[in-house]
C-alpha atoms as a PDB file:
ATOM      1  CA  UNK A   1       0.000   0.000   0.000  1.00  0.00           C
ATOM      2  CA  UNK A   2       1.330   3.471  -0.928  1.00  0.00           C
ATOM      3  CA  UNK A   3       0.961   6.338   1.571  1.00  0.00           C
ATOM      4  CA  UNK A   4       0.341   9.540  -0.440  1.00  0.00           C
ATOM      5  CA  UNK A   5       1.440  11.755   2.479  1.00  0.00           C
ATOM      6  CA  UNK A   6       4.217   9.868   4.269  1.00  0.00           C
ATOM      7  CA  UNK A   7       6.065  11.332   7.258  1.00  0.00           C
ATOM      8  CA  UNK A   8       9.811  11.787   7.088  1.00  0.00           C
ATOM      9  CA  UNK A   9      11.679   8.779   8.517  1.00  0.00           C
ATOM     10  CA  UNK A  10      15.194   8.332   9.767  1.00  0.00           C
ATOM     11  CA  UNK A  11      16.963   5.673   7.726  1.00  0.00           C
ATOM     12  CA  UNK A  12      17.639   2.179   9.016  1.00  0.00           C
ATOM     13  CA  UNK A  13      15.815   2.626  12.364  1.00  0.00           C
ATOM     14  CA  UNK A  14      14.382  -0.750  13.411  1.00  0.00           C
ATOM     15  CA  UNK A  15      11.078   0.704  14.562  1.00  0.00           C
ATOM     16  CA  UNK A  16      10.714   2.588  11.285  1.00  0.00           C
ATOM     17  CA  UNK A  17      11.411  -0.551   9.288  1.00  0.00           C
ATOM     18  CA  UNK A  18       8.901  -2.508  11.374  1.00  0.00           C
ATOM     19  CA  UNK A  19       6.249   0.161  10.866  1.00  0.00           C
ATOM     20  CA  UNK A  20       6.797   0.283   7.138  1.00  0.00           C
ATOM     21  CA  UNK A  21       6.712  -3.494   6.921  1.00  0.00           C
ATOM     22  CA  UNK A  22       3.420  -3.548   8.825  1.00  0.00           C
ATOM     23  CA  UNK A  23       2.000  -0.871   6.552  1.00  0.00           C
ATOM     24  CA  UNK A  24       2.893  -2.859   3.456  1.00  0.00           C
ATOM     25  CA  UNK A  25       2.316  -6.430   4.660  1.00  0.00           C
ATOM     26  CA  UNK A  26       0.037  -6.233   7.715  1.00  0.00           C
ATOM     27  CA  UNK A  27      -3.569  -7.333   7.821  1.00  0.00           C
ATOM     28  CA  UNK A  28      -6.316  -4.698   7.393  1.00  0.00           C
ATOM     29  CA  UNK A  29      -6.915  -4.686  11.164  1.00  0.00           C
ATOM     30  CA  UNK A  30      -3.207  -4.251  11.891  1.00  0.00           C
ATOM     31  CA  UNK A  31      -2.932  -1.404   9.405  1.00  0.00           C
ATOM     32  CA  UNK A  32      -5.936   0.389  10.897  1.00  0.00           C
ATOM     33  CA  UNK A  33      -4.564   0.024  14.431  1.00  0.00           C
ATOM     34  CA  UNK A  34      -1.291   1.483  13.196  1.00  0.00           C
ATOM     35  CA  UNK A  35      -3.126   4.389  11.571  1.00  0.00           C
ATOM     36  CA  UNK A  36      -4.948   5.155  14.825  1.00  0.00           C
ATOM     37  CA  UNK A  37      -1.939   4.583  17.090  1.00  0.00           C
ATOM     38  CA  UNK A  38      -1.343   8.263  17.875  1.00  0.00           C
ATOM     39  CA  UNK A  39      -4.630   8.389  19.807  1.00  0.00           C
ATOM     40  CA  UNK A  40      -6.195  11.238  17.852  1.00  0.00           C
ATOM     41  CA  UNK A  41      -9.747  10.963  16.508  1.00  0.00           C
ATOM     42  CA  UNK A  42     -10.066  10.790  12.748  1.00  0.00           C
ATOM     43  CA  UNK A  43     -12.915  10.805  10.316  1.00  0.00           C
ATOM     44  CA  UNK A  44     -13.923   7.267   9.460  1.00  0.00           C
ATOM     45  CA  UNK A  45     -13.443   7.663   5.710  1.00  0.00           C
ATOM     46  CA  UNK A  46      -9.988   9.183   6.142  1.00  0.00           C
ATOM     47  CA  UNK A  47      -8.912   6.486   8.605  1.00  0.00           C
ATOM     48  CA  UNK A  48      -9.976   3.635   6.359  1.00  0.00           C
ATOM     49  CA  UNK A  49      -8.373   5.224   3.311  1.00  0.00           C
ATOM     50  CA  UNK A  50      -5.094   5.803   5.172  1.00  0.00           C
ATOM     51  CA  UNK A  51      -5.066   2.141   6.232  1.00  0.00           C
ATOM     52  CA  UNK A  52      -5.849   0.959   2.710  1.00  0.00           C
ATOM     53  CA  UNK A  53      -9.083  -0.735   3.762  1.00  0.00           C
ATOM     54  CA  UNK A  54     -11.757  -1.198   1.117  1.00  0.00           C
ATOM     55  CA  UNK A  55     -15.451  -0.613   1.629  1.00  0.00           C
ATOM     56  CA  UNK A  56     -16.091  -4.366   1.541  1.00  0.00           C
ATOM     57  CA  UNK A  57     -13.548  -4.967   4.308  1.00  0.00           C
ATOM     58  CA  UNK A  58     -14.515  -2.024   6.482  1.00  0.00           C
ATOM     59  CA  UNK A  59     -17.491  -3.309   8.489  1.00  0.00           C
ATOM     60  CA  UNK A  60     -15.851  -6.600   9.472  1.00  0.00           C
ATOM     61  CA  UNK A  61     -12.564  -4.942  10.403  1.00  0.00           C
ATOM     62  CA  UNK A  62     -14.248  -2.225  12.482  1.00  0.00           C
ATOM     63  CA  UNK A  63     -16.535  -4.700  14.239  1.00  0.00           C
ATOM     64  CA  UNK A  64     -13.594  -6.902  15.183  1.00  0.00           C
ATOM     65  CA  UNK A  65     -11.464  -4.050  16.516  1.00  0.00           C
ATOM     66  CA  UNK A  66     -14.358  -2.613  18.520  1.00  0.00           C
ATOM     67  CA  UNK A  67     -15.232  -6.029  19.985  1.00  0.00           C
ATOM     68  CA  UNK A  68     -11.587  -6.649  20.906  1.00  0.00           C
ATOM     69  CA  UNK A  69     -11.418  -3.279  22.653  1.00  0.00           C
ATOM     70  CA  UNK A  70      -8.879  -1.685  20.337  1.00  0.00           C
ATOM     71  CA  UNK A  71     -11.108   0.908  18.697  1.00  0.00           C
ATOM     72  CA  UNK A  72     -14.010   3.217  19.583  1.00  0.00           C
ATOM     73  CA  UNK A  73     -16.522   4.504  17.045  1.00  0.00           C
ATOM     74  CA  UNK A  74     -17.566   8.117  17.708  1.00  0.00           C
ATOM     75  CA  UNK A  75     -20.993   8.873  16.321  1.00  0.00           C
ATOM     76  CA  UNK A  76     -21.382   7.950  12.671  1.00  0.00           C
ATOM     77  CA  UNK A  77     -18.319   9.678  11.276  1.00  0.00           C
ATOM     78  CA  UNK A  78     -15.221   9.240  13.466  1.00  0.00           C
ATOM     79  CA  UNK A  79     -12.881   6.650  14.951  1.00  0.00           C
ATOM     80  CA  UNK A  80     -10.341   6.714  17.766  1.00  0.00           C
ATOM     81  CA  UNK A  81      -8.168   4.136  19.501  1.00  0.00           C
ATOM     82  CA  UNK A  82      -9.418   2.954  22.892  1.00  0.00           C
ATOM     83  CA  UNK A  83      -6.344   4.402  24.601  1.00  0.00           C
ATOM     84  CA  UNK A  84      -6.850   7.666  22.750  1.00  0.00           C
ATOM     85  CA  UNK A  85     -10.495   7.782  23.775  1.00  0.00           C
ATOM     86  CA  UNK A  86      -9.625   7.253  27.440  1.00  0.00           C
ATOM     87  CA  UNK A  87      -7.076  10.064  27.239  1.00  0.00           C
ATOM     88  CA  UNK A  88      -9.402  12.437  25.381  1.00  0.00           C
ATOM     89  CA  UNK A  89     -12.256  11.787  27.813  1.00  0.00           C
ATOM     90  CA  UNK A  90      -9.965  12.473  30.780  1.00  0.00           C
ATOM     91  CA  UNK A  91      -8.685  15.685  29.177  1.00  0.00           C
ATOM     92  CA  UNK A  92     -12.220  16.887  28.463  1.00  0.00           C
ATOM     93  CA  UNK A  93     -13.430  16.000  31.971  1.00  0.00           C
ATOM     94  CA  UNK A  94     -10.511  17.800  33.626  1.00  0.00           C
ATOM     95  CA  UNK A  95     -10.965  20.828  31.373  1.00  0.00           C
ATOM     96  CA  UNK A  96     -14.632  21.188  32.347  1.00  0.00           C
ATOM     97  CA  UNK A  97     -14.028  20.441  36.034  1.00  0.00           C
ATOM     98  CA  UNK A  98     -11.373  23.170  36.139  1.00  0.00           C
ATOM     99  CA  UNK A  99     -13.708  25.599  34.371  1.00  0.00           C
ATOM    100  CA  UNK A 100     -16.563  24.875  36.800  1.00  0.00           C
ATOM    101  CA  UNK A 101     -14.240  25.474  39.735  1.00  0.00           C
ATOM    102  CA  UNK A 102     -13.077  28.767  38.270  1.00  0.00           C
ATOM    103  CA  UNK A 103     -16.555  29.946  37.223  1.00  0.00           C
ATOM    104  CA  UNK A 104     -19.008  28.245  39.607  1.00  0.00           C
ATOM    105  CA  UNK A 105     -21.975  30.385  38.510  1.00  0.00           C
ATOM    106  CA  UNK A 106     -21.688  29.861  34.764  1.00  0.00           C
ATOM    107  CA  UNK A 107     -23.822  27.141  33.260  1.00  0.00           C
ATOM    108  CA  UNK A 108     -20.950  25.781  31.215  1.00  0.00           C
ATOM    109  CA  UNK A 109     -17.947  26.373  28.991  1.00  0.00           C
ATOM    110  CA  UNK A 110     -18.327  27.674  25.460  1.00  0.00           C
ATOM    111  CA  UNK A 111     -18.619  24.818  22.987  1.00  0.00           C
ATOM    112  CA  UNK A 112     -16.288  26.628  20.612  1.00  0.00           C
ATOM    113  CA  UNK A 113     -13.689  27.260  23.318  1.00  0.00           C
ATOM    114  CA  UNK A 114     -13.711  23.569  24.256  1.00  0.00           C
ATOM    115  CA  UNK A 115     -13.290  22.581  20.603  1.00  0.00           C
ATOM    116  CA  UNK A 116     -10.327  24.880  20.208  1.00  0.00           C
ATOM    117  CA  UNK A 117      -8.720  23.703  23.441  1.00  0.00           C
ATOM    118  CA  UNK A 118      -9.011  20.102  22.258  1.00  0.00           C
ATOM    119  CA  UNK A 119      -7.685  21.080  18.827  1.00  0.00           C
ATOM    120  CA  UNK A 120     -10.506  19.339  16.973  1.00  0.00           C
ATOM    121  CA  UNK A 121     -12.168  20.209  13.708  1.00  0.00           C
ATOM    122  CA  UNK A 122     -15.867  21.122  13.990  1.00  0.00           C
ATOM    123  CA  UNK A 123     -16.884  17.756  12.518  1.00  0.00           C
ATOM    124  CA  UNK A 124     -14.672  15.731  14.861  1.00  0.00           C
ATOM    125  CA  UNK A 125     -15.794  17.824  17.839  1.00  0.00           C
ATOM    126  CA  UNK A 126     -19.408  17.066  17.003  1.00  0.00           C
ATOM    127  CA  UNK A 127     -18.626  13.329  16.926  1.00  0.00           C
ATOM    128  CA  UNK A 128     -16.812  13.545  20.264  1.00  0.00           C
ATOM    129  CA  UNK A 129     -19.695  15.532  21.741  1.00  0.00           C
ATOM    130  CA  UNK A 130     -22.273  12.969  20.625  1.00  0.00           C
ATOM    131  CA  UNK A 131     -20.217  10.116  22.077  1.00  0.00           C
ATOM    132  CA  UNK A 132     -19.620  11.780  25.448  1.00  0.00           C
ATOM    133  CA  UNK A 133     -23.261  12.823  25.798  1.00  0.00           C
ATOM    134  CA  UNK A 134     -24.268   9.208  25.105  1.00  0.00           C
ATOM    135  CA  UNK A 135     -22.182   8.212  28.121  1.00  0.00           C
ATOM    136  CA  UNK A 136     -24.279  10.636  30.230  1.00  0.00           C
ATOM    137  CA  UNK A 137     -21.401  12.371  32.045  1.00  0.00           C
ATOM    138  CA  UNK A 138     -21.438  15.411  29.783  1.00  0.00           C
ATOM    139  CA  UNK A 139     -24.341  17.693  28.883  1.00  0.00           C
ATOM    140  CA  UNK A 140     -24.574  20.451  26.296  1.00  0.00           C
ATOM    141  CA  UNK A 141     -26.957  23.118  25.077  1.00  0.00           C
ATOM    142  CA  UNK A 142     -26.718  25.249  21.959  1.00  0.00           C
ATOM    143  CA  UNK A 143     -23.738  27.258  23.201  1.00  0.00           C
ATOM    144  CA  UNK A 144     -22.168  25.577  26.245  1.00  0.00           C
ATOM    145  CA  UNK A 145     -20.851  22.276  27.565  1.00  0.00           C
ATOM    146  CA  UNK A 146     -20.825  21.135  31.200  1.00  0.00           C
ATOM    147  CA  UNK A 147     -20.360  18.096  33.371  1.00  0.00           C
ATOM    148  CA  UNK A 148     -23.763  16.531  33.967  1.00  0.00           C
ATOM    149  CA  UNK A 149     -23.351  16.469  37.753  1.00  0.00           C
ATOM    150  CA  UNK A 150     -22.501  20.189  37.882  1.00  0.00           C
ATOM    151  CA  UNK A 151     -25.135  22.731  38.903  1.00  0.00           C
ATOM    152  CA  UNK A 152     -24.268  26.452  39.120  1.00  0.00           C
ATOM    153  CA  UNK A 153     -25.099  27.575  42.640  1.00  0.00           C
ATOM    154  CA  UNK A 154     -24.352  30.811  44.554  1.00  0.00           C
ATOM    155  CA  UNK A 155     -22.639  30.694  47.907  1.00  0.00           C
ATOM    156  CA  UNK A 156     -24.713  31.496  50.990  1.00  0.00           C
ATOM    157  CA  UNK A 157     -23.282  35.042  51.071  1.00  0.00           C
ATOM    158  CA  UNK A 158     -24.028  35.570  47.393  1.00  0.00           C
ATOM    159  CA  UNK A 159     -27.586  34.309  47.800  1.00  0.00           C
ATOM    160  CA  UNK A 160     -28.187  36.680  50.723  1.00  0.00           C
ATOM    161  CA  UNK A 161     -26.845  39.631  48.716  1.00  0.00           C
ATOM    162  CA  UNK A 162     -29.039  38.689  45.768  1.00  0.00           C
ATOM    163  CA  UNK A 163     -32.090  38.335  48.012  1.00  0.00           C
ATOM    164  CA  UNK A 164     -31.497  41.827  49.448  1.00  0.00           C
ATOM    165  CA  UNK A 165     -31.216  43.304  45.982  1.00  0.00           C
ATOM    166  CA  UNK A 166     -34.357  41.554  44.735  1.00  0.00           C
ATOM    167  CA  UNK A 167     -36.243  42.695  47.844  1.00  0.00           C
ATOM    168  CA  UNK A 168     -35.199  46.271  47.113  1.00  0.00           C
ATOM    169  CA  UNK A 169     -36.452  45.881  43.544  1.00  0.00           C
ATOM    170  CA  UNK A 170     -39.818  44.692  44.874  1.00  0.00           C
ATOM    171  CA  UNK A 171     -40.340  47.792  47.000  1.00  0.00           C
ATOM    172  CA  UNK A 172     -38.739  50.361  44.752  1.00  0.00           C
ATOM    173  CA  UNK A 173     -40.246  52.917  42.428  1.00  0.00           C
ATOM    174  CA  UNK A 174     -39.503  51.803  38.874  1.00  0.00           C
ATOM    175  CA  UNK A 175     -35.925  53.149  38.974  1.00  0.00           C
ATOM    176  CA  UNK A 176     -33.901  50.354  40.588  1.00  0.00           C
ATOM    177  CA  UNK A 177     -31.296  50.960  43.272  1.00  0.00           C
ATOM    178  CA  UNK A 178     -27.635  50.690  42.293  1.00  0.00           C
ATOM    179  CA  UNK A 179     -26.200  47.232  42.663  1.00  0.00           C
ATOM    180  CA  UNK A 180     -22.765  46.111  43.760  1.00  0.00           C
ATOM    181  CA  UNK A 181     -23.504  42.507  42.896  1.00  0.00           C
ATOM    182  CA  UNK A 182     -20.810  40.604  41.061  1.00  0.00           C
ATOM    183  CA  UNK A 183     -21.391  40.392  37.309  1.00  0.00           C
ATOM    184  CA  UNK A 184     -21.214  36.582  37.470  1.00  0.00           C
ATOM    185  CA  UNK A 185     -23.984  36.535  40.083  1.00  0.00           C
ATOM    186  CA  UNK A 186     -26.135  38.894  38.008  1.00  0.00           C
ATOM    187  CA  UNK A 187     -25.643  36.676  34.948  1.00  0.00           C
ATOM    188  CA  UNK A 188     -26.608  33.607  37.002  1.00  0.00           C
ATOM    189  CA  UNK A 189     -29.758  35.367  38.237  1.00  0.00           C
ATOM    190  CA  UNK A 190     -30.720  36.223  34.656  1.00  0.00           C
ATOM    191  CA  UNK A 191     -30.021  32.658  33.467  1.00  0.00           C
ATOM    192  CA  UNK A 192     -32.373  31.423  36.179  1.00  0.00           C
ATOM    193  CA  UNK A 193     -35.099  33.980  35.343  1.00  0.00           C
ATOM    194  CA  UNK A 194     -34.753  35.793  38.667  1.00  0.00           C
ATOM    195  CA  UNK A 195     -33.780  39.047  36.974  1.00  0.00           C
ATOM    196  CA  UNK A 196     -34.105  40.550  33.503  1.00  0.00           C
ATOM    197  CA  UNK A 197     -31.144  42.466  32.099  1.00  0.00           C
ATOM    198  CA  UNK A 198     -32.409  45.619  30.394  1.00  0.00           C
ATOM    199  CA  UNK A 199     -29.041  47.345  29.980  1.00  0.00           C
ATOM    200  CA  UNK A 200     -25.536  47.018  31.387  1.00  0.00           C
ATOM    201  CA  UNK A 201     -26.550  48.879  34.548  1.00  0.00           C
ATOM    202  CA  UNK A 202     -30.287  48.170  34.612  1.00  0.00           C
ATOM    203  CA  UNK A 203     -31.912  44.975  35.929  1.00  0.00           C
ATOM    204  CA  UNK A 204     -35.562  44.384  36.739  1.00  0.00           C
ATOM    205  CA  UNK A 205     -37.671  41.695  38.325  1.00  0.00           C
ATOM    206  CA  UNK A 206     -39.495  39.675  35.646  1.00  0.00           C
ATOM    207  CA  UNK A 207     -42.874  40.837  36.994  1.00  0.00           C
ATOM    208  CA  UNK A 208     -41.858  44.496  36.713  1.00  0.00           C
ATOM    209  CA  UNK A 209     -40.540  43.980  33.192  1.00  0.00           C
ATOM    210  CA  UNK A 210     -43.773  42.244  32.180  1.00  0.00           C
ATOM    211  CA  UNK A 211     -45.940  45.013  33.641  1.00  0.00           C
ATOM    212  CA  UNK A 212     -43.983  47.721  31.834  1.00  0.00           C
ATOM    213  CA  UNK A 213     -44.072  45.793  28.582  1.00  0.00           C
ATOM    214  CA  UNK A 214     -47.836  45.356  28.872  1.00  0.00           C
ATOM    215  CA  UNK A 215     -48.266  49.107  29.420  1.00  0.00           C
ATOM    216  CA  UNK A 216     -46.228  49.837  26.296  1.00  0.00           C
ATOM    217  CA  UNK A 217     -48.282  47.328  24.285  1.00  0.00           C
ATOM    218  CA  UNK A 218     -51.595  48.696  25.525  1.00  0.00           C
ATOM    219  CA  UNK A 219     -50.548  52.292  24.893  1.00  0.00           C
ATOM    220  CA  UNK A 220     -49.500  51.537  21.321  1.00  0.00           C
ATOM    221  CA  UNK A 221     -52.658  49.505  20.663  1.00  0.00           C
ATOM    222  CA  UNK A 222     -54.895  52.330  21.901  1.00  0.00           C
ATOM    223  CA  UNK A 223     -52.898  55.387  20.778  1.00  0.00           C
ATOM    224  CA  UNK A 224     -50.953  53.997  17.823  1.00  0.00           C
ATOM    225  CA  UNK A 225     -47.527  54.742  19.290  1.00  0.00           C
ATOM    226  CA  UNK A 226     -45.546  55.412  22.440  1.00  0.00           C
ATOM    227  CA  UNK A 227     -42.821  57.990  23.060  1.00  0.00           C
ATOM    228  CA  UNK A 228     -39.893  58.140  25.438  1.00  0.00           C
ATOM    229  CA  UNK A 229     -41.533  61.108  27.158  1.00  0.00           C
ATOM    230  CA  UNK A 230     -44.822  59.258  27.656  1.00  0.00           C
ATOM    231  CA  UNK A 231     -43.021  56.267  29.197  1.00  0.00           C
ATOM    232  CA  UNK A 232     -40.894  58.541  31.382  1.00  0.00           C
ATOM    233  CA  UNK A 233     -43.866  60.536  32.662  1.00  0.00           C
ATOM    234  CA  UNK A 234     -46.100  57.499  33.276  1.00  0.00           C
ATOM    235  CA  UNK A 235     -43.543  55.606  35.344  1.00  0.00           C
ATOM    236  CA  UNK A 236     -41.785  58.612  36.843  1.00  0.00           C
ATOM    237  CA  UNK A 237     -38.334  57.592  35.680  1.00  0.00           C
ATOM    238  CA  UNK A 238     -35.419  59.368  34.047  1.00  0.00           C
ATOM    239  CA  UNK A 239     -35.176  59.786  30.292  1.00  0.00           C
ATOM    240  CA  UNK A 240     -32.092  57.550  30.329  1.00  0.00           C
ATOM    241  CA  UNK A 241     -34.112  54.786  31.988  1.00  0.00           C
ATOM    242  CA  UNK A 242     -36.996  55.202  29.528  1.00  0.00           C
ATOM    243  CA  UNK A 243     -34.664  55.060  26.532  1.00  0.00           C
ATOM    244  CA  UNK A 244     -32.931  51.942  27.883  1.00  0.00           C
ATOM    245  CA  UNK A 245     -36.211  50.097  28.416  1.00  0.00           C
ATOM    246  CA  UNK A 246     -37.650  50.974  25.022  1.00  0.00           C
ATOM    247  CA  UNK A 247     -34.390  49.965  23.326  1.00  0.00           C
ATOM    248  CA  UNK A 248     -34.647  46.648  25.190  1.00  0.00           C
ATOM    249  CA  UNK A 249     -38.125  46.156  23.684  1.00  0.00           C
ATOM    250  CA  UNK A 250     -36.671  46.967  20.270  1.00  0.00           C
ATOM    251  CA  UNK A 251     -33.988  44.287  20.765  1.00  0.00           C
ATOM    252  CA  UNK A 252     -36.665  41.794  21.789  1.00  0.00           C
ATOM    253  CA  UNK A 253     -38.536  42.666  18.570  1.00  0.00           C
ATOM    254  CA  UNK A 254     -41.605  43.714  20.512  1.00  0.00           C
ATOM    255  CA  UNK A 255     -41.390  47.320  19.332  1.00  0.00           C
ATOM    256  CA  UNK A 256     -39.762  49.161  16.457  1.00  0.00           C
ATOM    257  CA  UNK A 257     -38.511  52.719  16.491  1.00  0.00           C
ATOM    258  CA  UNK A 258     -40.023  55.072  13.920  1.00  0.00           C
ATOM    259  CA  UNK A 259     -38.593  58.549  14.321  1.00  0.00           C
ATOM    260  CA  UNK A 260     -39.157  59.552  17.945  1.00  0.00           C
ATOM    261  CA  UNK A 261     -41.878  56.965  18.568  1.00  0.00           C
ATOM    262  CA  UNK A 262     -42.300  53.210  18.913  1.00  0.00           C
ATOM    263  CA  UNK A 263     -44.813  50.962  17.227  1.00  0.00           C
ATOM    264  CA  UNK A 264     -45.495  47.249  17.736  1.00  0.00           C
ATOM    265  CA  UNK A 265     -43.627  44.652  15.733  1.00  0.00           C
ATOM    266  CA  UNK A 266     -45.920  41.834  16.812  1.00  0.00           C
END
C-alpha cells in the first residue's frame, strides 16, 4: 500500500522498518490500528483510506477491533483508539471540572472554546460531543458544555446579597437601586429567570418587566404609538431609563422605532 502523504523517517531505524513493513504487509486490522496509534480521533473515511481498507472490508474490520477493545466509534463519522479515547475523555473531563471550579456560577464552557482547546475540527468535535453525551457524564446546550453532575449555585453570602437586591427591587419605584452585585452573580440570576437584564446597569424583576411591557403594548394599541416622554412621565423615571427600556423592547422585537416613537412589531 502506498501512503500519499508519508512522514519523514530516519533511515535504518528498526522501529521505522517494522512500521513500514506492517503498513505494506500487515492485515487490514493491523494497518488500521497502526493508523490510529497516535490516539487522535479521525474521520472514518480518512482512517480507512489511510489504512488501505476497502469498503467491503470495512465493516468486518471495524466490528472486530471494537469487539476486541482496540477501537471506539464516535458517532457515525469518526474513529479513535481505545487508549486515545480514554485520554481524550480524561482531558475533556478535567478541562470542564477546572472551568466549573473557576466559574461556579456559569452554566458551562463555550462549545467553541472547548473545541479549540481540544484542537478538533468542527466535525470531529461534534462526533466527540455525541459520544460523550451518550455516556451521560457530559451535557450540552446550543452554546455551552458542562459536566452533567454540575449545577451552578451561589454561595450562601451571594444568595443573601441577591435576596437583598431583589427585595429592594420589589419595593422600589420603577428606577432600581444601584447594585454592587458581582457580574457573574447577576448573569446567574438572569439565566435562572430571577432578573431581567435591560441594559448594562439596569436589571428588573421579571414581573416588573412584564408590567412595563404590557403598558407599552396597551398604549400603542390604543394610541398607535408610544414615546420616550410618555413612558418617562407614566412611570416617573429618568429619560435615560426610559430610553434603555424601550431599546430593550426593540432588541426583543416587541417594538420598532419610527422617528421619535415606537410601534409594535408583533
